[in-house]
Amino acid sequence: MLLHLREGEEIPEHQNRGAITVHCLQGHVIFLAAGEEVELTPGLLISLPPEVPHKLSGSEDSLLLVTMTDPPRADESRNAA
């Protein structure tokens, strides 16, 4: 998903059922997760495991490429063991 975050815009704290990656393509974003603050600038890529609360704030107009994985289904989890 391509996410456009405007300067001053915030995405409130949330979490995803699957793992995510966030790649900053343009701009500057403050990414807060697990008590840590990361400044995303063009070229930086971060990843988060499932269920980690996080929020974002645009320091300037920014473009982010967000990739989300589907969480494992219950029947897949049983078969993996």
C-alpha atoms as a PDB file:
ATOM      1  CA  MET A   1       0.000   0.000   0.000  1.00  0.00           C
ATOM      2  CA  LEU A   2       1.282   3.478  -0.828  1.00  0.00           C
ATOM      3  CA  LEU A   3       0.593   5.818   2.091  1.00  0.00           C
ATOM      4  CA  HIS A   4       0.715   9.614   1.740  1.00  0.00           C
ATOM      5  CA  LEU A   5       1.194  11.321   5.092  1.00  0.00           C
ATOM      6  CA  ARG A   6       0.971  15.115   5.094  1.00  0.00           C
ATOM      7  CA  GLU A   7       3.073  17.381   7.275  1.00  0.00           C
ATOM      8  CA  GLY A   8       1.521  17.441  10.756  1.00  0.00           C
ATOM      9  CA  GLU A   9      -0.786  14.501  10.007  1.00  0.00           C
ATOM     10  CA  GLU A  10      -0.813  11.659  12.517  1.00  0.00           C
ATOM     11  CA  ILE A  11      -1.935   8.062  12.404  1.00  0.00           C
ATOM     12  CA  PRO A  12      -2.960   7.129  15.948  1.00  0.00           C
ATOM     13  CA  GLU A  13      -1.606   4.093  17.739  1.00  0.00           C
ATOM     14  CA  HIS A  14      -2.792   0.819  16.252  1.00  0.00           C
ATOM     15  CA  GLN A  15      -1.474  -2.672  15.598  1.00  0.00           C
ATOM     16  CA  ASN A  16      -1.621  -5.188  12.782  1.00  0.00           C
ATOM     17  CA  ARG A  17      -2.415  -8.884  13.001  1.00  0.00           C
ATOM     18  CA  GLY A  18       0.402  -9.651  10.554  1.00  0.00           C
ATOM     19  CA  ALA A  19       3.998  -8.449  10.246  1.00  0.00           C
ATOM     20  CA  ILE A  20       4.653  -5.170   8.380  1.00  0.00           C
ATOM     21  CA  THR A  21       7.458  -3.327   6.639  1.00  0.00           C
ATOM     22  CA  VAL A  22       7.503   0.433   6.147  1.00  0.00           C
ATOM     23  CA  HIS A  23       9.801   1.920   3.494  1.00  0.00           C
ATOM     24  CA  CYS A  24      10.116   5.705   3.343  1.00  0.00           C
ATOM     25  CA  LEU A  25      10.148   6.831  -0.283  1.00  0.00           C
ATOM     26  CA  GLN A  26       9.896  10.577   0.267  1.00  0.00           C
ATOM     27  CA  GLY A  27       9.722  13.034   3.165  1.00  0.00           C
ATOM     28  CA  HIS A  28      10.269  12.611   6.889  1.00  0.00           C
ATOM     29  CA  VAL A  29       8.114  10.622   9.327  1.00  0.00           C
ATOM     30  CA  ILE A  30       8.411   9.926  13.038  1.00  0.00           C
ATOM     31  CA  PHE A  31       7.537   6.266  13.698  1.00  0.00           C
ATOM     32  CA  LEU A  32       6.926   5.249  17.317  1.00  0.00           C
ATOM     33  CA  ALA A  33       6.804   1.562  18.265  1.00  0.00           C
ATOM     34  CA  ALA A  34       7.545  -0.408  21.431  1.00  0.00           C
ATOM     35  CA  GLY A  35       8.750   2.716  23.230  1.00  0.00           C
ATOM     36  CA  GLU A  36      11.265   3.581  20.501  1.00  0.00           C
ATOM     37  CA  GLU A  37      11.196   6.507  18.092  1.00  0.00           C
ATOM     38  CA  VAL A  38      12.590   6.081  14.587  1.00  0.00           C
ATOM     39  CA  GLU A  39      12.997   8.929  12.112  1.00  0.00           C
ATOM     40  CA  LEU A  40      12.140   7.608   8.665  1.00  0.00           C
ATOM     41  CA  THR A  41      13.775   9.433   5.778  1.00  0.00           C
ATOM     42  CA  PRO A  42      14.039   8.400   2.110  1.00  0.00           C
ATOM     43  CA  GLY A  43      15.590   4.964   1.691  1.00  0.00           C
ATOM     44  CA  LEU A  44      15.043   3.761   5.257  1.00  0.00           C
ATOM     45  CA  LEU A  45      13.093   0.557   5.804  1.00  0.00           C
ATOM     46  CA  ILE A  46      11.823  -0.838   9.097  1.00  0.00           C
ATOM     47  CA  SER A  47       9.896  -3.981   9.961  1.00  0.00           C
ATOM     48  CA  LEU A  48       7.610  -4.924  12.829  1.00  0.00           C
ATOM     49  CA  PRO A  49       6.375  -8.316  13.969  1.00  0.00           C
ATOM     50  CA  PRO A  50       2.638  -8.859  14.400  1.00  0.00           C
ATOM     51  CA  GLU A  51       0.673  -7.172  17.192  1.00  0.00           C
ATOM     52  CA  VAL A  52       3.217  -4.414  18.004  1.00  0.00           C
ATOM     53  CA  PRO A  53       1.433  -1.115  18.778  1.00  0.00           C
ATOM     54  CA  HIS A  54       2.776   1.768  16.687  1.00  0.00           C
ATOM     55  CA  LYS A  55       1.898   5.268  15.470  1.00  0.00           C
ATOM     56  CA  LEU A  56       3.202   7.708  12.872  1.00  0.00           C
ATOM     57  CA  SER A  57       3.550  11.459  12.539  1.00  0.00           C
ATOM     58  CA  GLY A  58       4.480  13.358   9.382  1.00  0.00           C
ATOM     59  CA  SER A  59       7.286  15.859   9.915  1.00  0.00           C
ATOM     60  CA  GLU A  60       6.826  16.857   6.266  1.00  0.00           C
ATOM     61  CA  ASP A  61       4.766  15.605   3.332  1.00  0.00           C
ATOM     62  CA  SER A  62       5.828  11.980   2.931  1.00  0.00           C
ATOM     63  CA  LEU A  63       5.268   8.822   0.895  1.00  0.00           C
ATOM     64  CA  LEU A  64       5.592   5.415   2.551  1.00  0.00           C
ATOM     65  CA  LEU A  65       5.413   1.971   1.001  1.00  0.00           C
ATOM     66  CA  VAL A  66       3.721  -0.271   3.564  1.00  0.00           C
ATOM     67  CA  THR A  67       3.702  -4.051   3.144  1.00  0.00           C
ATOM     68  CA  MET A  68       1.507  -6.162   5.419  1.00  0.00           C
ATOM     69  CA  THR A  69       1.494  -9.934   5.706  1.00  0.00           C
ATOM     70  CA  ASP A  70      -1.591 -11.947   6.473  1.00  0.00           C
ATOM     71  CA  PRO A  71      -1.530 -13.545   9.917  1.00  0.00           C
ATOM     72  CA  PRO A  72      -1.239 -17.334   9.903  1.00  0.00           C
ATOM     73  CA  ARG A  73      -4.574 -19.127   9.921  1.00  0.00           C
ATOM     74  CA  ALA A  74      -5.291 -21.482  12.808  1.00  0.00           C
ATOM     75  CA  ASP A  75      -5.089 -24.557  10.563  1.00  0.00           C
ATOM     76  CA  GLU A  76      -1.710 -23.406   9.157  1.00  0.00           C
ATOM     77  CA  SER A  77      -0.311 -22.885  12.675  1.00  0.00           C
ATOM     78  CA  ARG A  78      -1.253 -26.447  13.669  1.00  0.00           C
ATOM     79  CA  ASN A  79       0.308 -27.916  10.532  1.00  0.00           C
ATOM     80  CA  ALA A  80       3.568 -26.026  11.059  1.00  0.00           C
ATOM     81  CA  ALA A  81       4.211 -27.656  14.445  1.00  0.00           C
END
